[in-house]
Amino acid sequence: FLTVSNIAGFQTLRMFELWFQQKLLDDKVSL
């Protein structure tokens, strides 16, 4: 279970991330 490869997985085309980010106060805050 300590999987040999960190890229192995189910064979498919998948969206991993889709996000919006706003930084404020000279990058002291990030949402």
PDB file of all heavy atoms in Angstrom:
ATOM      1  N   PHE A   1       0.816  -1.216   0.000  1.00  0.00           N
ATOM      2  CA  PHE A   1       0.000   0.000   0.000  1.00  0.00           C
ATOM      3  C   PHE A   1       0.849   1.264   0.000  1.00  0.00           C
ATOM      4  O   PHE A   1       0.319   2.355  -0.212  1.00  0.00           O
ATOM      5  CB  PHE A   1      -0.992   0.003   1.172  1.00  0.00           C
ATOM      6  CG  PHE A   1      -0.381  -0.047   2.544  1.00  0.00           C
ATOM      7  CD1 PHE A   1       0.064   1.103   3.175  1.00  0.00           C
ATOM      8  CD2 PHE A   1      -0.281  -1.253   3.218  1.00  0.00           C
ATOM      9  CE1 PHE A   1       0.617   1.057   4.449  1.00  0.00           C
ATOM     10  CE2 PHE A   1       0.265  -1.311   4.499  1.00  0.00           C
ATOM     11  CZ  PHE A   1       0.720  -0.150   5.113  1.00  0.00           C
ATOM     12  N   LEU A   2       2.159   1.182   0.256  1.00  0.00           N
ATOM     13  CA  LEU A   2       3.066   2.307   0.024  1.00  0.00           C
ATOM     14  C   LEU A   2       3.438   2.247  -1.459  1.00  0.00           C
ATOM     15  O   LEU A   2       4.473   1.719  -1.849  1.00  0.00           O
ATOM     16  CB  LEU A   2       4.297   2.205   0.924  1.00  0.00           C
ATOM     17  CG  LEU A   2       4.034   2.201   2.436  1.00  0.00           C
ATOM     18  CD1 LEU A   2       5.336   2.038   3.209  1.00  0.00           C
ATOM     19  CD2 LEU A   2       3.314   3.475   2.865  1.00  0.00           C
ATOM     20  N   THR A   3       2.562   2.781  -2.280  1.00  0.00           N
ATOM     21  CA  THR A   3       2.586   2.546  -3.722  1.00  0.00           C
ATOM     22  C   THR A   3       3.914   2.976  -4.355  1.00  0.00           C
ATOM     23  O   THR A   3       4.391   4.091  -4.112  1.00  0.00           O
ATOM     24  CB  THR A   3       1.432   3.296  -4.399  1.00  0.00           C
ATOM     25  OG1 THR A   3       0.219   3.000  -3.700  1.00  0.00           O
ATOM     26  CG2 THR A   3       1.291   2.885  -5.838  1.00  0.00           C
ATOM     27  N   VAL A   4       4.488   2.084  -5.165  1.00  0.00           N
ATOM     28  CA  VAL A   4       5.804   2.308  -5.759  1.00  0.00           C
ATOM     29  C   VAL A   4       5.838   3.586  -6.583  1.00  0.00           C
ATOM     30  O   VAL A   4       6.795   4.372  -6.501  1.00  0.00           O
ATOM     31  CB  VAL A   4       6.207   1.098  -6.620  1.00  0.00           C
ATOM     32  CG1 VAL A   4       7.448   1.419  -7.457  1.00  0.00           C
ATOM     33  CG2 VAL A   4       6.454  -0.123  -5.739  1.00  0.00           C
ATOM     34  N   SER A   5       4.804   3.827  -7.396  1.00  0.00           N
ATOM     35  CA  SER A   5       4.793   4.988  -8.298  1.00  0.00           C
ATOM     36  C   SER A   5       3.777   6.019  -7.839  1.00  0.00           C
ATOM     37  O   SER A   5       2.619   5.697  -7.559  1.00  0.00           O
ATOM     38  CB  SER A   5       4.452   4.555  -9.724  1.00  0.00           C
ATOM     39  OG  SER A   5       4.221   5.687 -10.548  1.00  0.00           O
ATOM     40  N   ASN A   6       4.187   7.285  -7.811  1.00  0.00           N
ATOM     41  CA  ASN A   6       3.269   8.361  -7.420  1.00  0.00           C
ATOM     42  C   ASN A   6       2.466   8.916  -8.591  1.00  0.00           C
ATOM     43  O   ASN A   6       1.750   9.912  -8.436  1.00  0.00           O
ATOM     44  CB  ASN A   6       4.015   9.487  -6.712  1.00  0.00           C
ATOM     45  CG  ASN A   6       5.137  10.077  -7.552  1.00  0.00           C
ATOM     46  OD1 ASN A   6       5.224   9.847  -8.749  1.00  0.00           O
ATOM     47  ND2 ASN A   6       6.010  10.848  -6.909  1.00  0.00           N
ATOM     48  N   ILE A   7       2.560   8.297  -9.775  1.00  0.00           N
ATOM     49  CA  ILE A   7       1.708   8.705 -10.894  1.00  0.00           C
ATOM     50  C   ILE A   7       0.738   7.607 -11.302  1.00  0.00           C
ATOM     51  O   ILE A   7      -0.104   7.815 -12.167  1.00  0.00           O
ATOM     52  CB  ILE A   7       2.532   9.145 -12.125  1.00  0.00           C
ATOM     53  CG1 ILE A   7       3.287   7.956 -12.744  1.00  0.00           C
ATOM     54  CG2 ILE A   7       3.479  10.278 -11.775  1.00  0.00           C
ATOM     55  CD1 ILE A   7       3.870   8.261 -14.116  1.00  0.00           C
ATOM     56  N   ALA A   8       0.842   6.420 -10.696  1.00  0.00           N
ATOM     57  CA  ALA A   8      -0.023   5.305 -11.069  1.00  0.00           C
ATOM     58  C   ALA A   8      -1.462   5.588 -10.659  1.00  0.00           C
ATOM     59  O   ALA A   8      -1.726   6.212  -9.628  1.00  0.00           O
ATOM     60  CB  ALA A   8       0.473   4.019 -10.417  1.00  0.00           C
ATOM     61  N   GLY A   9      -2.412   5.110 -11.465  1.00  0.00           N
ATOM     62  CA  GLY A   9      -3.822   5.295 -11.152  1.00  0.00           C
ATOM     63  C   GLY A   9      -4.699   4.704 -12.226  1.00  0.00           C
ATOM     64  O   GLY A   9      -4.216   4.120 -13.213  1.00  0.00           O
ATOM     65  N   PHE A  10      -5.996   4.863 -12.056  1.00  0.00           N
ATOM     66  CA  PHE A  10      -6.973   4.337 -13.009  1.00  0.00           C
ATOM     67  C   PHE A  10      -6.827   5.036 -14.355  1.00  0.00           C
ATOM     68  O   PHE A  10      -6.728   6.256 -14.420  1.00  0.00           O
ATOM     69  CB  PHE A  10      -8.387   4.529 -12.456  1.00  0.00           C
ATOM     70  CG  PHE A  10      -9.469   3.966 -13.319  1.00  0.00           C
ATOM     71  CD1 PHE A  10      -9.741   2.608 -13.325  1.00  0.00           C
ATOM     72  CD2 PHE A  10     -10.209   4.804 -14.133  1.00  0.00           C
ATOM     73  CE1 PHE A  10     -10.748   2.090 -14.128  1.00  0.00           C
ATOM     74  CE2 PHE A  10     -11.215   4.300 -14.945  1.00  0.00           C
ATOM     75  CZ  PHE A  10     -11.487   2.935 -14.948  1.00  0.00           C
ATOM     76  N   GLN A  11      -6.826   4.268 -15.415  1.00  0.00           N
ATOM     77  CA  GLN A  11      -6.589   4.812 -16.748  1.00  0.00           C
ATOM     78  C   GLN A  11      -7.790   5.625 -17.223  1.00  0.00           C
ATOM     79  O   GLN A  11      -8.872   5.093 -17.458  1.00  0.00           O
ATOM     80  CB  GLN A  11      -6.329   3.676 -17.738  1.00  0.00           C
ATOM     81  CG  GLN A  11      -5.103   2.833 -17.411  1.00  0.00           C
ATOM     82  CD  GLN A  11      -4.860   1.766 -18.448  1.00  0.00           C
ATOM     83  OE1 GLN A  11      -5.133   1.961 -19.634  1.00  0.00           O
ATOM     84  NE2 GLN A  11      -4.347   0.625 -18.018  1.00  0.00           N
ATOM     85  N   THR A  12      -7.583   6.931 -17.353  1.00  0.00           N
ATOM     86  CA  THR A  12      -8.658   7.809 -17.785  1.00  0.00           C
ATOM     87  C   THR A  12      -8.104   9.205 -18.059  1.00  0.00           C
ATOM     88  O   THR A  12      -6.952   9.498 -17.732  1.00  0.00           O
ATOM     89  CB  THR A  12      -9.759   7.906 -16.714  1.00  0.00           C
ATOM     90  OG1 THR A  12     -10.878   8.637 -17.227  1.00  0.00           O
ATOM     91  CG2 THR A  12      -9.255   8.626 -15.476  1.00  0.00           C
ATOM     92  N   LEU A  13      -8.933  10.047 -18.649  1.00  0.00           N
ATOM     93  CA  LEU A  13      -8.657  11.487 -18.764  1.00  0.00           C
ATOM     94  C   LEU A  13      -9.500  12.180 -17.708  1.00  0.00           C
ATOM     95  O   LEU A  13     -10.729  12.064 -17.712  1.00  0.00           O
ATOM     96  CB  LEU A  13      -9.016  11.999 -20.161  1.00  0.00           C
ATOM     97  CG  LEU A  13      -8.913  13.520 -20.370  1.00  0.00           C
ATOM     98  CD1 LEU A  13      -7.481  13.993 -20.193  1.00  0.00           C
ATOM     99  CD2 LEU A  13      -9.430  13.902 -21.748  1.00  0.00           C
ATOM    100  N   ARG A  14      -8.859  12.898 -16.775  1.00  0.00           N
ATOM    101  CA  ARG A  14      -9.575  13.453 -15.629  1.00  0.00           C
ATOM    102  C   ARG A  14      -9.135  14.894 -15.367  1.00  0.00           C
ATOM    103  O   ARG A  14      -7.963  15.230 -15.459  1.00  0.00           O
ATOM    104  CB  ARG A  14      -9.310  12.606 -14.387  1.00  0.00           C
ATOM    105  CG  ARG A  14      -9.966  13.131 -13.128  1.00  0.00           C
ATOM    106  CD  ARG A  14      -9.590  12.320 -11.913  1.00  0.00           C
ATOM    107  NE  ARG A  14     -10.184  10.999 -11.931  1.00  0.00           N
ATOM    108  CZ  ARG A  14      -9.501   9.861 -11.985  1.00  0.00           C
ATOM    109  NH1 ARG A  14      -8.189   9.886 -12.031  1.00  0.00           N
ATOM    110  NH2 ARG A  14     -10.126   8.702 -11.980  1.00  0.00           N
ATOM    111  N   MET A  15     -10.103  15.730 -14.983  1.00  0.00           N
ATOM    112  CA  MET A  15      -9.773  17.063 -14.504  1.00  0.00           C
ATOM    113  C   MET A  15      -9.346  16.951 -13.045  1.00  0.00           C
ATOM    114  O   MET A  15     -10.094  16.436 -12.208  1.00  0.00           O
ATOM    115  CB  MET A  15     -10.965  18.008 -14.607  1.00  0.00           C
ATOM    116  CG  MET A  15     -10.611  19.441 -14.183  1.00  0.00           C
ATOM    117  SD  MET A  15     -12.022  20.547 -14.160  1.00  0.00           S
ATOM    118  CE  MET A  15     -12.882  19.981 -12.702  1.00  0.00           C
ATOM    119  N   PHE A  16      -8.155  17.440 -12.732  1.00  0.00           N
ATOM    120  CA  PHE A  16      -7.644  17.380 -11.373  1.00  0.00           C
ATOM    121  C   PHE A  16      -7.972  18.651 -10.599  1.00  0.00           C
ATOM    122  O   PHE A  16      -8.508  18.598  -9.490  1.00  0.00           O
ATOM    123  CB  PHE A  16      -6.137  17.143 -11.401  1.00  0.00           C
ATOM    124  CG  PHE A  16      -5.487  17.121 -10.047  1.00  0.00           C
ATOM    125  CD1 PHE A  16      -6.035  16.386  -9.005  1.00  0.00           C
ATOM    126  CD2 PHE A  16      -4.318  17.838  -9.805  1.00  0.00           C
ATOM    127  CE1 PHE A  16      -5.435  16.358  -7.751  1.00  0.00           C
ATOM    128  CE2 PHE A  16      -3.702  17.813  -8.561  1.00  0.00           C
ATOM    129  CZ  PHE A  16      -4.274  17.078  -7.532  1.00  0.00           C
ATOM    130  N   GLU A  17      -7.673  19.814 -11.194  1.00  0.00           N
ATOM    131  CA  GLU A  17      -7.923  21.089 -10.516  1.00  0.00           C
ATOM    132  C   GLU A  17      -8.573  22.093 -11.459  1.00  0.00           C
ATOM    133  O   GLU A  17      -8.299  22.121 -12.659  1.00  0.00           O
ATOM    134  CB  GLU A  17      -6.615  21.690  -9.984  1.00  0.00           C
ATOM    135  CG  GLU A  17      -6.018  20.963  -8.800  1.00  0.00           C
ATOM    136  CD  GLU A  17      -4.852  21.726  -8.205  1.00  0.00           C
ATOM    137  OE1 GLU A  17      -3.924  22.082  -8.955  1.00  0.00           O
ATOM    138  OE2 GLU A  17      -4.872  21.995  -6.992  1.00  0.00           O
ATOM    139  N   LEU A  18      -9.434  22.921 -10.887  1.00  0.00           N
ATOM    140  CA  LEU A  18     -10.018  24.063 -11.586  1.00  0.00           C
ATOM    141  C   LEU A  18     -10.424  25.072 -10.524  1.00  0.00           C
ATOM    142  O   LEU A  18     -11.440  24.915  -9.859  1.00  0.00           O
ATOM    143  CB  LEU A  18     -11.244  23.656 -12.417  1.00  0.00           C
ATOM    144  CG  LEU A  18     -11.998  24.811 -13.105  1.00  0.00           C
ATOM    145  CD1 LEU A  18     -11.088  25.576 -14.051  1.00  0.00           C
ATOM    146  CD2 LEU A  18     -13.232  24.288 -13.826  1.00  0.00           C
ATOM    147  N   TRP A  19      -9.590  26.108 -10.307  1.00  0.00           N
ATOM    148  CA  TRP A  19      -9.854  27.028  -9.216  1.00  0.00           C
ATOM    149  C   TRP A  19      -9.561  28.483  -9.586  1.00  0.00           C
ATOM    150  O   TRP A  19      -8.848  28.779 -10.537  1.00  0.00           O
ATOM    151  CB  TRP A  19      -9.083  26.638  -7.961  1.00  0.00           C
ATOM    152  CG  TRP A  19      -7.606  26.332  -8.084  1.00  0.00           C
ATOM    153  CD1 TRP A  19      -7.020  25.100  -8.047  1.00  0.00           C
ATOM    154  CD2 TRP A  19      -6.526  27.277  -8.241  1.00  0.00           C
ATOM    155  NE1 TRP A  19      -5.655  25.211  -8.160  1.00  0.00           N
ATOM    156  CE2 TRP A  19      -5.324  26.535  -8.272  1.00  0.00           C
ATOM    157  CE3 TRP A  19      -6.445  28.664  -8.344  1.00  0.00           C
ATOM    158  CZ2 TRP A  19      -4.070  27.118  -8.425  1.00  0.00           C
ATOM    159  CZ3 TRP A  19      -5.214  29.276  -8.493  1.00  0.00           C
ATOM    160  CH2 TRP A  19      -4.031  28.495  -8.535  1.00  0.00           C
ATOM    161  N   PHE A  20     -10.167  29.334  -8.757  1.00  0.00           N
ATOM    162  CA  PHE A  20      -9.944  30.777  -8.824  1.00  0.00           C
ATOM    163  C   PHE A  20      -9.231  31.210  -7.546  1.00  0.00           C
ATOM    164  O   PHE A  20      -9.556  30.737  -6.450  1.00  0.00           O
ATOM    165  CB  PHE A  20     -11.273  31.518  -8.952  1.00  0.00           C
ATOM    166  CG  PHE A  20     -11.173  32.997  -8.684  1.00  0.00           C
ATOM    167  CD1 PHE A  20     -10.734  33.859  -9.670  1.00  0.00           C
ATOM    168  CD2 PHE A  20     -11.498  33.515  -7.439  1.00  0.00           C
ATOM    169  CE1 PHE A  20     -10.633  35.231  -9.421  1.00  0.00           C
ATOM    170  CE2 PHE A  20     -11.407  34.869  -7.172  1.00  0.00           C
ATOM    171  CZ  PHE A  20     -10.966  35.728  -8.169  1.00  0.00           C
ATOM    172  N   GLN A  21      -8.267  32.117  -7.684  1.00  0.00           N
ATOM    173  CA  GLN A  21      -7.517  32.601  -6.523  1.00  0.00           C
ATOM    174  C   GLN A  21      -7.463  34.124  -6.532  1.00  0.00           C
ATOM    175  O   GLN A  21      -7.231  34.740  -7.577  1.00  0.00           O
ATOM    176  CB  GLN A  21      -6.099  32.041  -6.522  1.00  0.00           C
ATOM    177  CG  GLN A  21      -5.235  32.567  -5.369  1.00  0.00           C
ATOM    178  CD  GLN A  21      -3.888  31.864  -5.291  1.00  0.00           C
ATOM    179  OE1 GLN A  21      -3.712  30.880  -4.594  1.00  0.00           O
ATOM    180  NE2 GLN A  21      -2.924  32.373  -6.033  1.00  0.00           N
ATOM    181  N   GLN A  22      -7.663  34.697  -5.341  1.00  0.00           N
ATOM    182  CA  GLN A  22      -7.528  36.142  -5.154  1.00  0.00           C
ATOM    183  C   GLN A  22      -6.546  36.404  -4.024  1.00  0.00           C
ATOM    184  O   GLN A  22      -6.713  35.886  -2.918  1.00  0.00           O
ATOM    185  CB  GLN A  22      -8.874  36.758  -4.813  1.00  0.00           C
ATOM    186  CG  GLN A  22      -8.823  38.244  -4.530  1.00  0.00           C
ATOM    187  CD  GLN A  22      -8.477  39.069  -5.752  1.00  0.00           C
ATOM    188  OE1 GLN A  22      -9.213  39.068  -6.729  1.00  0.00           O
ATOM    189  NE2 GLN A  22      -7.345  39.762  -5.721  1.00  0.00           N
ATOM    190  N   LYS A  23      -5.520  37.202  -4.279  1.00  0.00           N
ATOM    191  CA  LYS A  23      -4.564  37.610  -3.259  1.00  0.00           C
ATOM    192  C   LYS A  23      -4.861  39.038  -2.834  1.00  0.00           C
ATOM    193  O   LYS A  23      -5.290  39.860  -3.646  1.00  0.00           O
ATOM    194  CB  LYS A  23      -3.129  37.498  -3.784  1.00  0.00           C
ATOM    195  CG  LYS A  23      -2.693  36.066  -4.084  1.00  0.00           C
ATOM    196  CD  LYS A  23      -1.248  36.000  -4.535  1.00  0.00           C
ATOM    197  CE  LYS A  23      -0.805  34.572  -4.787  1.00  0.00           C
ATOM    198  NZ  LYS A  23       0.614  34.492  -5.226  1.00  0.00           N
ATOM    199  N   LEU A  24      -4.614  39.323  -1.545  1.00  0.00           N
ATOM    200  CA  LEU A  24      -4.915  40.633  -0.974  1.00  0.00           C
ATOM    201  C   LEU A  24      -3.767  41.090  -0.088  1.00  0.00           C
ATOM    202  O   LEU A  24      -2.951  40.274   0.368  1.00  0.00           O
ATOM    203  CB  LEU A  24      -6.209  40.571  -0.154  1.00  0.00           C
ATOM    204  CG  LEU A  24      -7.477  40.092  -0.880  1.00  0.00           C
ATOM    205  CD1 LEU A  24      -8.558  39.767   0.129  1.00  0.00           C
ATOM    206  CD2 LEU A  24      -7.952  41.139  -1.878  1.00  0.00           C
ATOM    207  N   LEU A  25      -3.707  42.396   0.164  1.00  0.00           N
ATOM    208  CA  LEU A  25      -2.755  42.985   1.110  1.00  0.00           C
ATOM    209  C   LEU A  25      -1.322  42.580   0.787  1.00  0.00           C
ATOM    210  O   LEU A  25      -0.584  42.058   1.631  1.00  0.00           O
ATOM    211  CB  LEU A  25      -3.109  42.563   2.547  1.00  0.00           C
ATOM    212  CG  LEU A  25      -4.531  42.912   3.020  1.00  0.00           C
ATOM    213  CD1 LEU A  25      -4.764  42.365   4.417  1.00  0.00           C
ATOM    214  CD2 LEU A  25      -4.729  44.421   2.965  1.00  0.00           C
ATOM    215  N   ASP A  26      -0.916  42.801  -0.450  1.00  0.00           N
ATOM    216  CA  ASP A  26       0.451  42.490  -0.899  1.00  0.00           C
ATOM    217  C   ASP A  26       0.793  41.021  -0.640  1.00  0.00           C
ATOM    218  O   ASP A  26       1.858  40.683  -0.095  1.00  0.00           O
ATOM    219  CB  ASP A  26       1.468  43.393  -0.197  1.00  0.00           C
ATOM    220  CG  ASP A  26       1.320  44.847  -0.595  1.00  0.00           C
ATOM    221  OD1 ASP A  26       0.916  45.099  -1.756  1.00  0.00           O
ATOM    222  OD2 ASP A  26       1.569  45.731   0.237  1.00  0.00           O
ATOM    223  N   ASP A  27      -0.109  40.145  -1.030  1.00  0.00           N
ATOM    224  CA  ASP A  27       0.069  38.686  -0.945  1.00  0.00           C
ATOM    225  C   ASP A  27       0.089  38.155   0.486  1.00  0.00           C
ATOM    226  O   ASP A  27       0.460  37.004   0.713  1.00  0.00           O
ATOM    227  CB  ASP A  27       1.351  38.240  -1.659  1.00  0.00           C
ATOM    228  CG  ASP A  27       1.303  38.518  -3.146  1.00  0.00           C
ATOM    229  OD1 ASP A  27       0.210  38.836  -3.655  1.00  0.00           O
ATOM    230  OD2 ASP A  27       2.364  38.425  -3.795  1.00  0.00           O
ATOM    231  N   LYS A  28      -0.323  38.948   1.448  1.00  0.00           N
ATOM    232  CA  LYS A  28      -0.378  38.461   2.832  1.00  0.00           C
ATOM    233  C   LYS A  28      -1.607  37.593   3.078  1.00  0.00           C
ATOM    234  O   LYS A  28      -1.664  36.815   4.031  1.00  0.00           O
ATOM    235  CB  LYS A  28      -0.351  39.628   3.816  1.00  0.00           C
ATOM    236  CG  LYS A  28       0.952  40.427   3.794  1.00  0.00           C
ATOM    237  CD  LYS A  28       0.978  41.489   4.861  1.00  0.00           C
ATOM    238  CE  LYS A  28       2.254  42.334   4.778  1.00  0.00           C
ATOM    239  NZ  LYS A  28       3.462  41.525   4.923  1.00  0.00           N
ATOM    240  N   VAL A  29      -2.602  37.721   2.210  1.00  0.00           N
ATOM    241  CA  VAL A  29      -3.817  36.916   2.292  1.00  0.00           C
ATOM    242  C   VAL A  29      -4.094  36.322   0.916  1.00  0.00           C
ATOM    243  O   VAL A  29      -3.974  37.005  -0.103  1.00  0.00           O
ATOM    244  CB  VAL A  29      -5.028  37.760   2.755  1.00  0.00           C
ATOM    245  CG1 VAL A  29      -6.288  36.908   2.784  1.00  0.00           C
ATOM    246  CG2 VAL A  29      -4.765  38.384   4.115  1.00  0.00           C
ATOM    247  N   SER A  30      -4.447  35.039   0.906  1.00  0.00           N
ATOM    248  CA  SER A  30      -4.753  34.370  -0.350  1.00  0.00           C
ATOM    249  C   SER A  30      -5.976  33.487  -0.147  1.00  0.00           C
ATOM    250  O   SER A  30      -6.026  32.675   0.774  1.00  0.00           O
ATOM    251  CB  SER A  30      -3.567  33.523  -0.807  1.00  0.00           C
ATOM    252  OG  SER A  30      -3.930  32.681  -1.895  1.00  0.00           O
ATOM    253  N   LEU A  31      -6.964  33.640  -1.034  1.00  0.00           N
ATOM    254  CA  LEU A  31      -8.175  32.834  -0.990  1.00  0.00           C
ATOM    255  C   LEU A  31      -8.293  32.064  -2.302  1.00  0.00           C
ATOM    256  O   LEU A  31      -8.239  32.654  -3.378  1.00  0.00           O
ATOM    257  CB  LEU A  31      -9.403  33.716  -0.784  1.00  0.00           C
ATOM    258  CG  LEU A  31     -10.744  32.986  -0.683  1.00  0.00           C
ATOM    259  CD1 LEU A  31     -10.796  32.124   0.576  1.00  0.00           C
ATOM    260  CD2 LEU A  31     -11.904  33.989  -0.692  1.00  0.00           C
TER     261      LEU A  31
END
